[in-house]
């Protein structure tokens, strides 16, 4: 079984600013989105119990490499960095298209992401639409036993759903306690070969599908 985890960098709010061109919230330094970290822990826990292969995926600039290295240190087998100058200023829908094409190449059985990002992004459902996968939102637990199921809380009540695969699952923030990487794992994460970089040609995308050209939203005014 191959499990992919979509992760993203988000602002550290004590050092936040608004990008004048895109209207995005940014910060220096930025951090891995907390809900994505919970999704990562859930995926690595499945690896521990089921023997799955786990990979991390993100789309972003050079600074995004740090969260991918962290993902490998936490237990991912490999990480994919979707990086190309032509990806810059892609809106959430265009970004989902980029990530979706990468996931098609990876051929993941299950795709995890955080339920939502601190900066407002909602990757999971958009990626599910690109892939044509079933999607399950706000998961607290995932059981891949004889009868795979997803548990979540809706309107204050816990419910359990049958899990059909392939699937995209979004994980609610605080659903588990992410592990702390050990020193040897951190060293492994910084070795050559831990990351693969894919650009627009690797994914078979056209420039009209990414960046400003491929985005359906525009920042018209900021105030």
N, C-alpha and C. Protein backbone atom coordinates (compact mmCIF):
# COMPACT_ATOMS: atom_id res chain seq x y z
N UNK A 1 0.84 -1.20 0.00
CA UNK A 1 0.00 0.00 0.00
C UNK A 1 0.87 1.24 0.00
N UNK A 2 0.51 2.20 -0.81
CA UNK A 2 1.25 3.47 -0.86
C UNK A 2 0.35 4.59 -0.35
N UNK A 3 0.87 5.33 0.62
CA UNK A 3 0.14 6.43 1.24
C UNK A 3 0.90 7.73 0.98
N UNK A 4 0.19 8.74 0.50
CA UNK A 4 0.79 10.06 0.27
C UNK A 4 0.19 11.07 1.24
N UNK A 5 1.00 11.99 1.69
CA UNK A 5 0.54 13.05 2.59
C UNK A 5 0.85 14.40 1.96
N UNK A 6 -0.19 15.20 1.74
CA UNK A 6 -0.02 16.55 1.21
C UNK A 6 0.24 17.50 2.37
N UNK A 7 1.36 18.20 2.32
CA UNK A 7 1.69 19.13 3.39
C UNK A 7 1.94 20.51 2.79
N UNK A 8 1.83 21.52 3.63
CA UNK A 8 1.99 22.89 3.14
C UNK A 8 2.60 23.75 4.24
N UNK A 9 3.33 24.77 3.84
CA UNK A 9 3.85 25.74 4.79
C UNK A 9 2.79 26.81 5.04
N UNK A 10 2.72 27.26 6.29
CA UNK A 10 1.76 28.30 6.66
C UNK A 10 2.47 29.35 7.50
N UNK A 11 1.88 30.52 7.65
CA UNK A 11 2.53 31.57 8.42
C UNK A 11 2.64 31.24 9.90
N UNK A 12 3.74 31.64 10.49
CA UNK A 12 3.84 31.70 11.95
C UNK A 12 3.28 33.06 12.33
N UNK A 13 2.12 33.07 12.98
CA UNK A 13 1.34 34.30 13.05
C UNK A 13 2.00 35.45 13.81
N UNK A 14 2.98 35.14 14.63
CA UNK A 14 3.65 36.25 15.31
C UNK A 14 4.59 37.00 14.36
N UNK A 15 4.80 36.44 13.15
CA UNK A 15 5.66 37.11 12.17
C UNK A 15 4.97 37.16 10.81
N UNK A 16 3.69 37.49 10.82
CA UNK A 16 2.90 37.39 9.61
C UNK A 16 2.84 38.72 8.84
N UNK A 17 2.74 38.60 7.51
CA UNK A 17 2.48 39.77 6.69
C UNK A 17 1.66 39.32 5.48
N UNK A 18 1.07 40.27 4.77
CA UNK A 18 0.25 39.98 3.61
C UNK A 18 1.03 40.31 2.34
N UNK A 19 1.14 39.33 1.45
CA UNK A 19 1.84 39.55 0.19
C UNK A 19 1.02 40.50 -0.69
N UNK A 20 1.65 41.57 -1.16
CA UNK A 20 0.90 42.63 -1.85
C UNK A 20 0.33 42.19 -3.20
N UNK A 21 0.98 41.24 -3.85
CA UNK A 21 0.51 40.81 -5.17
C UNK A 21 -0.58 39.76 -5.09
N UNK A 22 -0.37 38.73 -4.25
CA UNK A 22 -1.30 37.59 -4.21
C UNK A 22 -2.33 37.67 -3.09
N UNK A 23 -2.07 38.52 -2.07
CA UNK A 23 -2.98 38.60 -0.93
C UNK A 23 -2.81 37.46 0.04
N UNK A 24 -1.79 36.61 -0.17
CA UNK A 24 -1.57 35.48 0.72
C UNK A 24 -0.97 35.95 2.04
N UNK A 25 -1.31 35.21 3.12
CA UNK A 25 -0.64 35.42 4.39
C UNK A 25 0.68 34.69 4.35
N UNK A 26 1.76 35.38 4.66
CA UNK A 26 3.09 34.77 4.69
C UNK A 26 3.81 35.18 5.96
N UNK A 27 4.86 34.44 6.25
CA UNK A 27 5.64 34.76 7.44
C UNK A 27 7.04 34.20 7.28
N UNK A 28 7.96 34.79 8.00
CA UNK A 28 9.33 34.30 8.03
C UNK A 28 9.76 34.15 9.49
N UNK A 29 10.09 32.94 9.96
CA UNK A 29 9.99 31.70 9.18
C UNK A 29 8.56 31.15 9.19
N UNK A 30 8.24 30.33 8.19
CA UNK A 30 6.94 29.66 8.15
C UNK A 30 7.10 28.26 8.74
N UNK A 31 5.98 27.59 8.98
CA UNK A 31 5.99 26.28 9.64
C UNK A 31 5.11 25.31 8.84
N UNK A 32 5.22 24.01 9.16
CA UNK A 32 4.30 23.04 8.58
C UNK A 32 2.92 23.25 9.18
N UNK A 33 1.90 23.24 8.34
CA UNK A 33 0.53 23.41 8.81
C UNK A 33 0.22 22.37 9.90
N UNK A 34 -0.25 22.78 11.08
CA UNK A 34 -0.47 21.84 12.18
C UNK A 34 -1.37 20.65 11.84
N UNK A 35 -2.46 20.88 11.12
CA UNK A 35 -3.35 19.76 10.77
C UNK A 35 -2.65 18.79 9.82
N UNK A 36 -1.77 19.30 8.95
CA UNK A 36 -1.00 18.43 8.06
C UNK A 36 -0.05 17.56 8.87
N UNK A 37 0.48 18.11 9.96
CA UNK A 37 1.35 17.33 10.83
C UNK A 37 0.58 16.18 11.48
N UNK A 38 -0.69 16.43 11.84
CA UNK A 38 -1.53 15.36 12.36
C UNK A 38 -1.80 14.31 11.29
N UNK A 39 -2.02 14.76 10.04
CA UNK A 39 -2.23 13.84 8.93
C UNK A 39 -0.98 12.99 8.70
N UNK A 40 0.18 13.61 8.81
CA UNK A 40 1.44 12.91 8.65
C UNK A 40 1.61 11.83 9.72
N UNK A 41 1.29 12.18 10.95
CA UNK A 41 1.38 11.20 12.04
C UNK A 41 0.44 10.03 11.80
N UNK A 42 -0.76 10.30 11.31
CA UNK A 42 -1.71 9.22 11.03
C UNK A 42 -1.17 8.29 9.95
N UNK A 43 -0.57 8.87 8.92
CA UNK A 43 -0.02 8.06 7.83
C UNK A 43 1.15 7.21 8.30
N UNK A 44 2.04 7.79 9.08
CA UNK A 44 3.20 7.05 9.57
C UNK A 44 2.77 5.96 10.55
N UNK A 45 1.71 6.20 11.31
CA UNK A 45 1.18 5.18 12.20
C UNK A 45 0.66 3.98 11.41
N UNK A 46 0.05 4.25 10.25
CA UNK A 46 -0.39 3.17 9.36
C UNK A 46 0.81 2.39 8.85
N UNK A 47 1.89 3.10 8.52
CA UNK A 47 3.12 2.44 8.10
C UNK A 47 3.63 1.52 9.20
N UNK A 48 3.61 1.99 10.43
CA UNK A 48 4.09 1.19 11.56
C UNK A 48 3.28 -0.08 11.74
N UNK A 49 1.97 0.02 11.55
CA UNK A 49 1.09 -1.13 11.82
C UNK A 49 0.81 -2.00 10.61
N UNK A 50 0.84 -1.41 9.39
CA UNK A 50 0.46 -2.13 8.19
C UNK A 50 1.62 -2.36 7.21
N UNK A 51 2.74 -1.71 7.45
CA UNK A 51 3.87 -1.85 6.54
C UNK A 51 3.73 -1.07 5.25
N UNK A 52 2.97 0.03 5.27
CA UNK A 52 2.75 0.83 4.06
C UNK A 52 3.98 1.67 3.73
N UNK A 53 4.07 2.08 2.47
CA UNK A 53 5.05 3.06 2.04
C UNK A 53 4.41 4.44 2.15
N UNK A 54 5.10 5.38 2.78
CA UNK A 54 4.55 6.72 2.99
C UNK A 54 5.45 7.75 2.32
N UNK A 55 4.83 8.64 1.54
CA UNK A 55 5.58 9.73 0.90
C UNK A 55 4.89 11.06 1.22
N UNK A 56 5.67 12.12 1.24
CA UNK A 56 5.14 13.47 1.47
C UNK A 56 5.24 14.27 0.19
N UNK A 57 4.29 15.17 -0.02
CA UNK A 57 4.24 15.98 -1.24
C UNK A 57 3.92 17.42 -0.86
N UNK A 58 4.66 18.36 -1.43
CA UNK A 58 4.30 19.76 -1.26
C UNK A 58 4.62 20.53 -2.53
N UNK A 59 3.92 21.63 -2.73
CA UNK A 59 4.14 22.52 -3.87
C UNK A 59 4.55 23.87 -3.31
N UNK A 60 5.74 24.34 -3.65
CA UNK A 60 6.19 25.61 -3.11
C UNK A 60 7.63 25.90 -3.50
N UNK A 61 8.13 27.03 -3.02
CA UNK A 61 9.48 27.46 -3.34
C UNK A 61 10.54 26.74 -2.53
N UNK A 62 11.76 27.24 -2.62
CA UNK A 62 12.91 26.61 -1.97
C UNK A 62 12.69 26.42 -0.47
N UNK A 63 11.98 27.37 0.16
CA UNK A 63 11.79 27.31 1.60
C UNK A 63 10.95 26.11 2.02
N UNK A 64 10.20 25.54 1.08
CA UNK A 64 9.35 24.39 1.42
C UNK A 64 10.15 23.12 1.66
N UNK A 65 11.41 23.12 1.26
CA UNK A 65 12.22 21.93 1.45
C UNK A 65 12.32 21.55 2.93
N UNK A 66 12.30 22.55 3.81
CA UNK A 66 12.43 22.29 5.24
C UNK A 66 11.32 21.40 5.79
N UNK A 67 10.07 21.64 5.36
CA UNK A 67 8.99 20.81 5.90
C UNK A 67 9.01 19.41 5.30
N UNK A 68 9.54 19.28 4.08
CA UNK A 68 9.68 17.95 3.49
C UNK A 68 10.75 17.15 4.23
N UNK A 69 11.84 17.80 4.58
CA UNK A 69 12.88 17.12 5.36
C UNK A 69 12.33 16.69 6.72
N UNK A 70 11.51 17.54 7.30
CA UNK A 70 10.90 17.18 8.58
C UNK A 70 9.99 15.97 8.41
N UNK A 71 9.23 15.91 7.31
CA UNK A 71 8.34 14.78 7.07
C UNK A 71 9.12 13.48 6.96
N UNK A 72 10.26 13.52 6.27
CA UNK A 72 11.09 12.32 6.16
C UNK A 72 11.65 11.94 7.54
N UNK A 73 12.05 12.93 8.31
CA UNK A 73 12.55 12.67 9.65
C UNK A 73 11.49 12.05 10.54
N UNK A 74 10.22 12.39 10.30
CA UNK A 74 9.12 11.83 11.10
C UNK A 74 8.72 10.42 10.66
N UNK A 75 9.28 9.95 9.54
CA UNK A 75 9.00 8.58 9.15
C UNK A 75 8.59 8.34 7.72
N UNK A 76 8.47 9.40 6.90
CA UNK A 76 8.16 9.20 5.48
C UNK A 76 9.33 8.52 4.78
N UNK A 77 9.01 7.68 3.81
CA UNK A 77 10.05 6.99 3.05
C UNK A 77 10.70 7.88 2.01
N UNK A 78 9.95 8.86 1.52
CA UNK A 78 10.47 9.74 0.48
C UNK A 78 9.61 11.01 0.46
N UNK A 79 10.12 12.05 -0.19
CA UNK A 79 9.37 13.30 -0.30
C UNK A 79 9.48 13.84 -1.71
N UNK A 80 8.41 14.47 -2.18
CA UNK A 80 8.35 15.04 -3.52
C UNK A 80 8.12 16.54 -3.42
N UNK A 81 9.04 17.30 -4.01
CA UNK A 81 8.96 18.76 -3.99
C UNK A 81 8.53 19.24 -5.37
N UNK A 82 7.34 19.77 -5.47
CA UNK A 82 6.81 20.28 -6.74
C UNK A 82 7.21 21.74 -6.83
N UNK A 83 8.23 22.00 -7.61
CA UNK A 83 8.83 23.33 -7.62
C UNK A 83 9.17 23.75 -9.04
N UNK A 84 8.68 24.92 -9.41
CA UNK A 84 8.92 25.47 -10.74
C UNK A 84 8.51 26.95 -10.68
N UNK A 85 9.31 27.81 -11.26
CA UNK A 85 8.99 29.24 -11.22
C UNK A 85 7.61 29.50 -11.82
N UNK A 86 7.18 28.64 -12.75
CA UNK A 86 5.88 28.82 -13.39
C UNK A 86 4.72 28.43 -12.47
N UNK A 87 4.99 27.77 -11.36
CA UNK A 87 3.96 27.45 -10.38
C UNK A 87 3.62 28.65 -9.49
N UNK A 88 4.47 29.65 -9.50
CA UNK A 88 4.30 30.80 -8.61
C UNK A 88 2.95 31.48 -8.82
N UNK A 89 2.32 31.89 -7.72
CA UNK A 89 1.04 32.60 -7.72
C UNK A 89 -0.13 31.76 -8.23
N UNK A 90 0.00 30.43 -8.17
CA UNK A 90 -1.14 29.56 -8.47
C UNK A 90 -2.16 29.72 -7.35
N UNK A 91 -3.45 29.83 -7.71
CA UNK A 91 -4.48 29.89 -6.68
C UNK A 91 -4.75 28.47 -6.18
N UNK A 92 -5.61 28.30 -5.15
CA UNK A 92 -5.82 26.96 -4.59
C UNK A 92 -6.27 25.91 -5.60
N UNK A 93 -7.08 26.31 -6.58
CA UNK A 93 -7.55 25.35 -7.57
C UNK A 93 -6.41 24.91 -8.50
N UNK A 94 -5.61 25.85 -8.95
CA UNK A 94 -4.47 25.51 -9.81
C UNK A 94 -3.45 24.67 -9.03
N UNK A 95 -3.25 25.01 -7.76
CA UNK A 95 -2.32 24.23 -6.93
C UNK A 95 -2.81 22.80 -6.77
N UNK A 96 -4.11 22.63 -6.59
CA UNK A 96 -4.67 21.28 -6.49
C UNK A 96 -4.42 20.49 -7.77
N UNK A 97 -4.47 21.17 -8.91
CA UNK A 97 -4.18 20.51 -10.18
C UNK A 97 -2.74 20.04 -10.26
N UNK A 98 -1.83 20.86 -9.77
CA UNK A 98 -0.41 20.50 -9.76
C UNK A 98 -0.19 19.28 -8.86
N UNK A 99 -0.73 19.35 -7.65
CA UNK A 99 -0.56 18.25 -6.70
C UNK A 99 -1.24 16.98 -7.22
N UNK A 100 -2.41 17.15 -7.82
CA UNK A 100 -3.13 16.00 -8.35
C UNK A 100 -2.33 15.26 -9.41
N UNK A 101 -1.67 15.99 -10.32
CA UNK A 101 -0.87 15.35 -11.35
C UNK A 101 0.30 14.60 -10.74
N UNK A 102 0.90 15.15 -9.68
CA UNK A 102 1.99 14.45 -8.99
C UNK A 102 1.48 13.16 -8.35
N UNK A 103 0.31 13.23 -7.74
CA UNK A 103 -0.24 12.04 -7.07
C UNK A 103 -0.62 10.96 -8.07
N UNK A 104 -0.98 11.35 -9.28
CA UNK A 104 -1.25 10.35 -10.33
C UNK A 104 0.02 9.58 -10.65
N UNK A 105 1.16 10.27 -10.68
CA UNK A 105 2.43 9.61 -10.93
C UNK A 105 2.84 8.72 -9.76
N UNK A 106 2.56 9.19 -8.55
CA UNK A 106 2.94 8.44 -7.35
C UNK A 106 2.08 7.19 -7.18
N UNK A 107 0.83 7.26 -7.67
CA UNK A 107 -0.12 6.13 -7.58
C UNK A 107 -0.40 5.74 -6.13
N UNK A 108 -0.82 6.73 -5.35
CA UNK A 108 -1.14 6.47 -3.94
C UNK A 108 -2.51 5.83 -3.80
N UNK A 109 -2.62 4.88 -2.87
CA UNK A 109 -3.90 4.25 -2.55
C UNK A 109 -4.73 5.15 -1.64
N UNK A 110 -4.04 5.84 -0.73
CA UNK A 110 -4.68 6.78 0.19
C UNK A 110 -3.89 8.08 0.18
N UNK A 111 -4.59 9.20 0.15
CA UNK A 111 -3.96 10.52 0.23
C UNK A 111 -4.49 11.21 1.48
N UNK A 112 -3.58 11.62 2.35
CA UNK A 112 -3.95 12.36 3.55
C UNK A 112 -3.58 13.84 3.38
N UNK A 113 -4.36 14.69 4.04
CA UNK A 113 -3.98 16.09 4.20
C UNK A 113 -4.67 16.60 5.46
N UNK A 114 -4.27 17.78 5.92
CA UNK A 114 -4.98 18.39 7.03
C UNK A 114 -6.35 18.87 6.58
N UNK A 115 -7.31 18.93 7.50
CA UNK A 115 -8.66 19.37 7.15
C UNK A 115 -8.67 20.79 6.60
N UNK A 116 -7.81 21.63 7.16
CA UNK A 116 -7.69 22.99 6.66
C UNK A 116 -6.36 23.57 7.08
N UNK A 117 -5.94 24.60 6.36
CA UNK A 117 -4.67 25.25 6.67
C UNK A 117 -4.92 26.52 7.47
N UNK A 118 -3.92 26.94 8.23
CA UNK A 118 -4.04 28.16 9.02
C UNK A 118 -4.28 29.37 8.13
N UNK A 119 -3.79 29.32 6.87
CA UNK A 119 -3.97 30.46 5.97
C UNK A 119 -5.20 30.31 5.09
N UNK A 120 -6.08 29.35 5.42
CA UNK A 120 -7.37 29.27 4.76
C UNK A 120 -7.48 28.27 3.63
N UNK A 121 -6.37 27.62 3.23
CA UNK A 121 -6.43 26.66 2.13
C UNK A 121 -7.15 25.37 2.53
N UNK A 122 -7.81 24.72 1.59
CA UNK A 122 -8.48 23.44 1.81
C UNK A 122 -8.09 22.51 0.67
N UNK A 123 -6.95 21.86 0.84
CA UNK A 123 -6.35 21.09 -0.25
C UNK A 123 -7.11 19.81 -0.56
N UNK A 124 -7.47 19.04 0.46
CA UNK A 124 -7.99 17.70 0.28
C UNK A 124 -9.13 17.53 -0.71
N UNK A 125 -10.28 18.18 -0.50
CA UNK A 125 -11.40 18.00 -1.42
C UNK A 125 -11.08 18.41 -2.86
N UNK A 126 -10.27 19.45 -3.03
CA UNK A 126 -9.91 19.87 -4.39
C UNK A 126 -9.06 18.80 -5.07
N UNK A 127 -8.11 18.25 -4.34
CA UNK A 127 -7.26 17.20 -4.91
C UNK A 127 -8.09 15.95 -5.23
N UNK A 128 -9.05 15.63 -4.36
CA UNK A 128 -9.92 14.47 -4.60
C UNK A 128 -10.68 14.63 -5.92
N UNK A 129 -11.12 15.83 -6.22
CA UNK A 129 -11.84 16.07 -7.47
C UNK A 129 -10.92 15.89 -8.67
N UNK A 130 -9.67 16.34 -8.55
CA UNK A 130 -8.71 16.17 -9.64
C UNK A 130 -8.45 14.69 -9.89
N UNK A 131 -8.32 13.91 -8.82
CA UNK A 131 -7.99 12.49 -8.94
C UNK A 131 -9.21 11.63 -9.26
N UNK A 132 -10.40 12.13 -8.92
CA UNK A 132 -11.59 11.30 -9.05
C UNK A 132 -11.71 10.28 -7.94
N UNK A 133 -11.10 10.58 -6.77
CA UNK A 133 -11.12 9.69 -5.61
C UNK A 133 -12.30 10.03 -4.70
N UNK A 134 -12.77 9.05 -3.94
CA UNK A 134 -13.68 9.32 -2.83
C UNK A 134 -12.94 10.22 -1.84
N UNK A 135 -13.69 11.07 -1.11
CA UNK A 135 -13.00 11.82 -0.08
C UNK A 135 -13.82 11.88 1.21
N UNK A 136 -13.07 11.87 2.30
CA UNK A 136 -13.64 11.83 3.64
C UNK A 136 -13.02 12.98 4.43
N UNK A 137 -13.86 13.82 5.02
CA UNK A 137 -13.35 15.02 5.69
C UNK A 137 -13.36 14.88 7.21
N UNK A 138 -12.46 15.64 7.84
CA UNK A 138 -12.42 15.78 9.31
C UNK A 138 -12.25 14.46 10.04
N UNK A 139 -11.40 13.59 9.53
CA UNK A 139 -11.17 12.30 10.20
C UNK A 139 -10.42 12.48 11.52
N UNK A 140 -10.84 11.72 12.52
CA UNK A 140 -10.13 11.64 13.80
C UNK A 140 -9.32 10.36 13.89
N UNK A 141 -9.85 9.28 13.30
CA UNK A 141 -9.18 7.99 13.29
C UNK A 141 -9.45 7.28 11.96
N UNK A 142 -8.48 6.48 11.56
CA UNK A 142 -8.64 5.64 10.37
C UNK A 142 -8.22 4.22 10.74
N UNK A 143 -9.09 3.26 10.47
CA UNK A 143 -8.83 1.85 10.77
C UNK A 143 -8.78 1.09 9.45
N UNK A 144 -7.63 0.49 9.15
CA UNK A 144 -7.47 -0.25 7.90
C UNK A 144 -7.48 -1.76 8.15
N UNK A 145 -8.29 -2.20 9.08
CA UNK A 145 -8.42 -3.61 9.38
C UNK A 145 -9.23 -4.34 8.31
N UNK A 146 -9.89 -5.43 8.70
CA UNK A 146 -10.68 -6.21 7.75
C UNK A 146 -11.79 -5.38 7.11
N UNK A 147 -12.35 -4.46 7.88
CA UNK A 147 -13.37 -3.55 7.35
C UNK A 147 -12.87 -2.12 7.52
N UNK A 148 -12.18 -1.56 6.51
CA UNK A 148 -11.61 -0.21 6.65
C UNK A 148 -12.69 0.83 6.96
N UNK A 149 -12.39 1.71 7.89
CA UNK A 149 -13.37 2.72 8.26
C UNK A 149 -12.69 4.00 8.73
N UNK A 150 -13.47 5.07 8.66
CA UNK A 150 -13.04 6.40 9.09
C UNK A 150 -13.98 6.87 10.19
N UNK A 151 -13.41 7.40 11.27
CA UNK A 151 -14.22 7.93 12.35
C UNK A 151 -14.04 9.44 12.43
N UNK A 152 -15.15 10.16 12.59
CA UNK A 152 -15.09 11.61 12.68
C UNK A 152 -16.22 12.09 13.58
N UNK A 153 -16.18 13.37 13.93
CA UNK A 153 -17.24 13.98 14.73
C UNK A 153 -17.95 15.03 13.89
N UNK A 154 -19.26 14.89 13.79
CA UNK A 154 -20.07 15.85 13.03
C UNK A 154 -21.23 16.30 13.91
N UNK A 155 -21.40 17.62 14.04
CA UNK A 155 -22.49 18.18 14.85
C UNK A 155 -22.47 17.64 16.27
N UNK A 156 -21.25 17.46 16.80
CA UNK A 156 -21.10 17.01 18.17
C UNK A 156 -21.28 15.53 18.39
N UNK A 157 -21.50 14.77 17.33
CA UNK A 157 -21.71 13.33 17.46
C UNK A 157 -20.65 12.58 16.66
N UNK A 158 -20.16 11.48 17.23
CA UNK A 158 -19.15 10.67 16.54
C UNK A 158 -19.83 9.74 15.55
N UNK A 159 -19.28 9.66 14.33
CA UNK A 159 -19.83 8.75 13.34
C UNK A 159 -18.71 7.97 12.67
N UNK A 160 -19.03 6.77 12.23
CA UNK A 160 -18.06 5.90 11.58
C UNK A 160 -18.54 5.58 10.18
N UNK A 161 -17.66 5.77 9.19
CA UNK A 161 -18.00 5.55 7.79
C UNK A 161 -17.15 4.44 7.20
N UNK A 162 -17.73 3.66 6.31
CA UNK A 162 -16.96 2.67 5.56
C UNK A 162 -15.97 3.40 4.67
N UNK A 163 -14.72 2.94 4.63
CA UNK A 163 -13.68 3.57 3.83
C UNK A 163 -13.47 2.77 2.55
N UNK A 164 -13.84 3.39 1.43
CA UNK A 164 -13.59 2.80 0.12
C UNK A 164 -12.33 3.40 -0.47
N UNK A 165 -11.53 2.60 -1.13
CA UNK A 165 -10.27 3.10 -1.68
C UNK A 165 -10.24 2.91 -3.20
N UNK A 166 -9.49 3.80 -3.88
CA UNK A 166 -8.59 4.84 -3.36
C UNK A 166 -9.38 6.01 -2.77
N UNK A 167 -8.74 6.72 -1.86
CA UNK A 167 -9.47 7.76 -1.15
C UNK A 167 -8.55 8.90 -0.75
N UNK A 168 -9.14 10.07 -0.60
CA UNK A 168 -8.48 11.23 0.00
C UNK A 168 -9.14 11.46 1.35
N UNK A 169 -8.32 11.58 2.39
CA UNK A 169 -8.82 11.75 3.76
C UNK A 169 -8.21 13.00 4.36
N UNK A 170 -9.06 13.91 4.83
CA UNK A 170 -8.55 15.08 5.55
C UNK A 170 -8.65 14.82 7.04
N UNK A 171 -7.61 15.22 7.75
CA UNK A 171 -7.46 14.91 9.17
C UNK A 171 -7.62 16.19 9.99
N UNK A 172 -8.46 16.12 11.00
CA UNK A 172 -8.73 17.28 11.83
C UNK A 172 -7.53 17.57 12.74
N UNK A 173 -7.25 18.85 12.94
CA UNK A 173 -6.15 19.26 13.81
C UNK A 173 -6.36 18.75 15.23
N UNK A 174 -5.29 18.30 15.87
CA UNK A 174 -5.37 17.83 17.25
C UNK A 174 -5.85 16.41 17.41
N UNK A 175 -5.98 15.67 16.32
CA UNK A 175 -6.51 14.31 16.40
C UNK A 175 -5.51 13.30 16.96
N UNK A 176 -4.24 13.68 17.00
CA UNK A 176 -3.20 12.82 17.57
C UNK A 176 -2.03 13.69 18.02
N UNK A 177 -0.99 13.05 18.51
CA UNK A 177 0.20 13.77 18.94
C UNK A 177 1.34 13.42 18.00
N UNK A 178 1.74 14.34 17.11
CA UNK A 178 2.83 14.04 16.18
C UNK A 178 4.12 13.68 16.91
N UNK A 179 4.82 12.69 16.37
CA UNK A 179 6.05 12.22 16.98
C UNK A 179 7.19 13.22 16.79
N UNK A 180 8.14 13.17 17.69
CA UNK A 180 9.34 13.99 17.58
C UNK A 180 10.42 13.16 16.90
N UNK A 181 11.00 13.65 15.81
CA UNK A 181 12.05 12.88 15.12
C UNK A 181 13.28 12.69 16.00
N UNK A 182 13.92 11.52 15.88
CA UNK A 182 15.16 11.26 16.58
C UNK A 182 16.32 11.80 15.74
N UNK A 183 17.47 11.96 16.39
CA UNK A 183 18.62 12.56 15.72
C UNK A 183 19.02 11.78 14.48
N UNK A 184 19.01 10.45 14.57
CA UNK A 184 19.41 9.64 13.42
C UNK A 184 18.43 9.81 12.25
N UNK A 185 17.15 10.02 12.56
CA UNK A 185 16.16 10.24 11.51
C UNK A 185 16.35 11.60 10.85
N UNK A 186 16.72 12.60 11.64
CA UNK A 186 16.97 13.93 11.09
C UNK A 186 18.17 13.89 10.14
N UNK A 187 19.20 13.14 10.52
CA UNK A 187 20.38 12.98 9.66
C UNK A 187 20.00 12.28 8.36
N UNK A 188 19.17 11.25 8.45
CA UNK A 188 18.73 10.52 7.27
C UNK A 188 17.95 11.44 6.31
N UNK A 189 17.13 12.32 6.89
CA UNK A 189 16.29 13.21 6.09
C UNK A 189 17.11 14.21 5.29
N UNK A 190 18.34 14.46 5.70
CA UNK A 190 19.18 15.44 5.00
C UNK A 190 20.18 14.79 4.05
N UNK A 191 20.06 13.49 3.87
CA UNK A 191 20.93 12.81 2.92
C UNK A 191 20.45 13.04 1.50
N UNK A 192 21.39 12.94 0.56
CA UNK A 192 21.03 13.04 -0.85
C UNK A 192 20.13 11.87 -1.23
N UNK A 193 19.09 12.15 -2.00
CA UNK A 193 18.17 11.09 -2.41
C UNK A 193 16.91 11.01 -1.59
N UNK A 194 16.82 11.80 -0.51
CA UNK A 194 15.61 11.78 0.32
C UNK A 194 14.46 12.51 -0.36
N UNK A 195 14.80 13.44 -1.27
CA UNK A 195 13.79 14.25 -1.96
C UNK A 195 13.90 14.10 -3.47
N UNK A 196 12.76 14.18 -4.14
CA UNK A 196 12.70 14.25 -5.59
C UNK A 196 12.02 15.56 -5.97
N UNK A 197 12.59 16.27 -6.94
CA UNK A 197 12.00 17.53 -7.42
C UNK A 197 11.32 17.31 -8.77
N UNK A 198 10.09 17.75 -8.86
CA UNK A 198 9.35 17.69 -10.12
C UNK A 198 8.91 19.09 -10.51
N UNK A 199 9.11 19.42 -11.78
CA UNK A 199 8.66 20.69 -12.33
C UNK A 199 7.52 20.49 -13.31
N UNK A 200 7.22 21.52 -14.06
CA UNK A 200 6.06 21.50 -14.95
C UNK A 200 6.16 20.41 -16.02
N UNK A 201 7.35 20.19 -16.55
CA UNK A 201 7.51 19.17 -17.59
C UNK A 201 7.40 17.76 -17.01
N UNK A 202 7.91 17.56 -15.82
CA UNK A 202 7.82 16.24 -15.17
C UNK A 202 6.37 15.83 -14.97
N UNK A 203 5.51 16.82 -14.72
CA UNK A 203 4.11 16.54 -14.45
C UNK A 203 3.23 16.59 -15.70
N UNK A 204 3.82 16.94 -16.84
CA UNK A 204 3.07 16.99 -18.08
C UNK A 204 2.03 18.09 -18.12
N UNK A 205 2.31 19.18 -17.43
CA UNK A 205 1.38 20.30 -17.37
C UNK A 205 1.76 21.38 -18.38
N UNK A 206 0.76 22.15 -18.79
CA UNK A 206 0.96 23.28 -19.67
C UNK A 206 1.00 24.57 -18.84
N UNK A 207 1.72 25.57 -19.31
CA UNK A 207 1.80 26.83 -18.57
C UNK A 207 0.44 27.48 -18.37
N UNK A 208 -0.50 27.21 -19.26
CA UNK A 208 -1.84 27.79 -19.14
C UNK A 208 -2.62 27.19 -17.98
N UNK A 209 -2.10 26.10 -17.35
CA UNK A 209 -2.81 25.40 -16.28
C UNK A 209 -2.30 25.77 -14.90
N UNK A 210 -1.22 26.56 -14.84
CA UNK A 210 -0.59 26.86 -13.55
C UNK A 210 -0.32 28.35 -13.44
N UNK A 211 0.09 28.77 -12.25
CA UNK A 211 0.42 30.18 -12.04
C UNK A 211 -0.78 31.09 -12.24
N UNK A 212 -0.51 32.32 -12.58
CA UNK A 212 -1.58 33.30 -12.79
C UNK A 212 -2.47 32.89 -13.96
N UNK A 213 -1.87 32.36 -15.02
CA UNK A 213 -2.64 31.96 -16.20
C UNK A 213 -3.65 30.85 -15.88
N UNK A 214 -3.28 29.94 -15.00
CA UNK A 214 -4.15 28.82 -14.70
C UNK A 214 -5.06 29.03 -13.51
N UNK A 215 -5.03 30.23 -12.94
CA UNK A 215 -5.82 30.51 -11.74
C UNK A 215 -7.13 31.19 -12.10
N UNK A 216 -8.16 30.79 -11.39
CA UNK A 216 -9.50 31.35 -11.66
C UNK A 216 -9.84 32.52 -10.74
N UNK A 217 -8.97 32.81 -9.77
CA UNK A 217 -9.21 33.93 -8.86
C UNK A 217 -8.08 34.95 -9.00
N UNK A 218 -8.38 36.17 -8.71
CA UNK A 218 -7.41 37.27 -8.77
C UNK A 218 -7.58 38.16 -7.55
N UNK A 219 -6.46 38.71 -7.07
CA UNK A 219 -6.52 39.73 -6.02
C UNK A 219 -6.76 41.06 -6.71
N UNK A 220 -7.95 41.63 -6.49
CA UNK A 220 -8.33 42.87 -7.16
C UNK A 220 -7.94 44.08 -6.33
N UNK A 221 -8.17 43.99 -5.03
CA UNK A 221 -7.86 45.14 -4.17
C UNK A 221 -7.56 44.66 -2.76
N UNK A 222 -6.66 45.33 -2.09
CA UNK A 222 -6.34 45.03 -0.70
C UNK A 222 -6.54 46.29 0.13
N UNK A 223 -7.16 46.13 1.28
CA UNK A 223 -7.38 47.30 2.13
C UNK A 223 -7.49 46.85 3.58
